[in-house]
Amino acid sequence: MKTAILVVGLSLAMIGGAAAATITNKDSNSHVLTVTEGSNQSDMVVEAGATVNFCPAGCFVTMPSGDRETLSGSENVEIINGDAVIK
């Protein structure tokens, strides 16, 4: 029984990670995004050249330009010249 619960839990964790939004920083300097999920707000640093998975269940993101976007958790976002491009 414990093994079955563990397998289901791991499967759900992998599905949740696969559904997360992805952001890739194509700039040569790092950028800070403000991510709001529910009532929790945090700053997320995306280093130059890095790709980060985040926001698996939807969130609001304040981009480096100051624009605020709503993400469902399935988007691919690229930071290019300080601007976010959502795909």
Protein backbone atom coordinates (compact mmCIF):
# COMPACT_ATOMS: atom_id res chain seq x y z
CA MET A 1 0.00 0.00 0.00
CA LYS A 2 2.81 2.44 0.89
CA THR A 3 4.54 1.67 -2.41
CA ALA A 4 1.38 2.44 -4.38
CA ILE A 5 0.96 5.78 -2.59
CA LEU A 6 4.60 6.65 -3.20
CA VAL A 7 4.31 5.82 -6.93
CA VAL A 8 1.15 7.91 -7.28
CA GLY A 9 2.78 10.80 -5.40
CA LEU A 10 5.89 10.71 -7.58
CA SER A 11 3.77 10.53 -10.74
CA LEU A 12 1.75 13.56 -9.70
CA ALA A 13 4.94 15.46 -8.87
CA MET A 14 6.35 14.73 -12.31
CA ILE A 15 3.10 15.79 -14.01
CA GLY A 16 3.03 18.99 -11.96
CA GLY A 17 6.62 19.82 -12.96
CA ALA A 18 5.88 19.18 -16.62
CA ALA A 19 3.00 21.66 -16.55
CA ALA A 20 5.05 24.52 -15.13
CA ALA A 21 5.79 27.68 -17.08
CA THR A 22 9.35 28.03 -18.34
CA ILE A 23 11.35 31.25 -18.53
CA THR A 24 14.64 31.58 -20.42
CA ASN A 25 16.85 34.62 -19.98
CA LYS A 26 18.57 35.30 -23.30
CA ASP A 27 20.22 38.48 -22.00
CA SER A 28 23.79 38.79 -20.77
CA ASN A 29 22.68 40.01 -17.32
CA SER A 30 20.34 38.56 -14.70
CA HIS A 31 16.76 39.79 -14.20
CA VAL A 32 14.44 39.77 -11.20
CA LEU A 33 10.79 38.80 -11.61
CA THR A 34 8.15 39.19 -8.93
CA VAL A 35 5.98 36.07 -8.82
CA THR A 36 2.62 36.03 -7.02
CA GLU A 37 1.00 32.65 -6.44
CA GLY A 38 -2.18 32.91 -4.40
CA SER A 39 -1.31 35.21 -1.50
CA ASN A 40 2.43 34.44 -1.64
CA GLN A 41 4.72 36.91 -3.39
CA SER A 42 8.43 36.34 -3.99
CA ASP A 43 11.26 37.65 -6.14
CA MET A 44 12.83 35.18 -8.55
CA VAL A 45 16.27 35.86 -10.03
CA VAL A 46 16.81 34.47 -13.52
CA GLU A 47 20.53 34.43 -14.26
CA ALA A 48 21.91 35.25 -17.71
CA GLY A 49 21.42 32.29 -20.04
CA ALA A 50 19.41 30.33 -17.45
CA THR A 51 16.11 28.51 -17.92
CA VAL A 52 13.81 28.18 -14.90
CA ASN A 53 10.56 26.24 -14.41
CA PHE A 54 8.06 27.99 -12.17
CA CYS A 55 4.38 28.73 -11.66
CA PRO A 56 2.93 25.18 -11.98
CA ALA A 57 -0.61 26.16 -11.03
CA GLY A 58 -0.89 29.66 -12.49
CA CYS A 59 0.42 32.95 -11.15
CA PHE A 60 0.90 36.65 -11.76
CA VAL A 61 4.39 37.76 -12.80
CA THR A 62 5.84 41.26 -12.83
CA MET A 63 8.34 41.20 -15.68
CA PRO A 64 11.67 43.11 -15.78
CA SER A 65 9.97 45.86 -17.83
CA GLY A 66 7.36 46.35 -15.07
CA ASP A 67 4.58 44.72 -17.09
CA ARG A 68 2.37 42.36 -15.12
CA GLU A 69 1.29 39.13 -16.83
CA THR A 70 -1.06 36.32 -15.87
CA LEU A 71 0.34 32.85 -16.54
CA SER A 72 -1.63 29.61 -16.49
CA GLY A 73 1.49 27.49 -15.95
CA SER A 74 2.03 26.18 -19.48
CA GLU A 75 3.74 29.14 -21.15
CA ASN A 76 7.27 29.47 -22.44
CA VAL A 77 8.65 32.94 -21.73
CA GLU A 78 11.87 34.42 -23.09
CA ILE A 79 13.59 37.54 -21.78
CA ILE A 80 15.19 39.36 -24.69
CA ASN A 81 16.74 42.83 -24.20
CA GLY A 82 14.90 43.18 -20.88
CA ASP A 83 11.48 42.46 -22.41
CA ALA A 84 9.47 39.29 -21.84
CA VAL A 85 8.07 37.47 -24.86
CA ILE A 86 5.38 34.92 -24.02
CA LYS A 87 5.01 31.99 -26.39
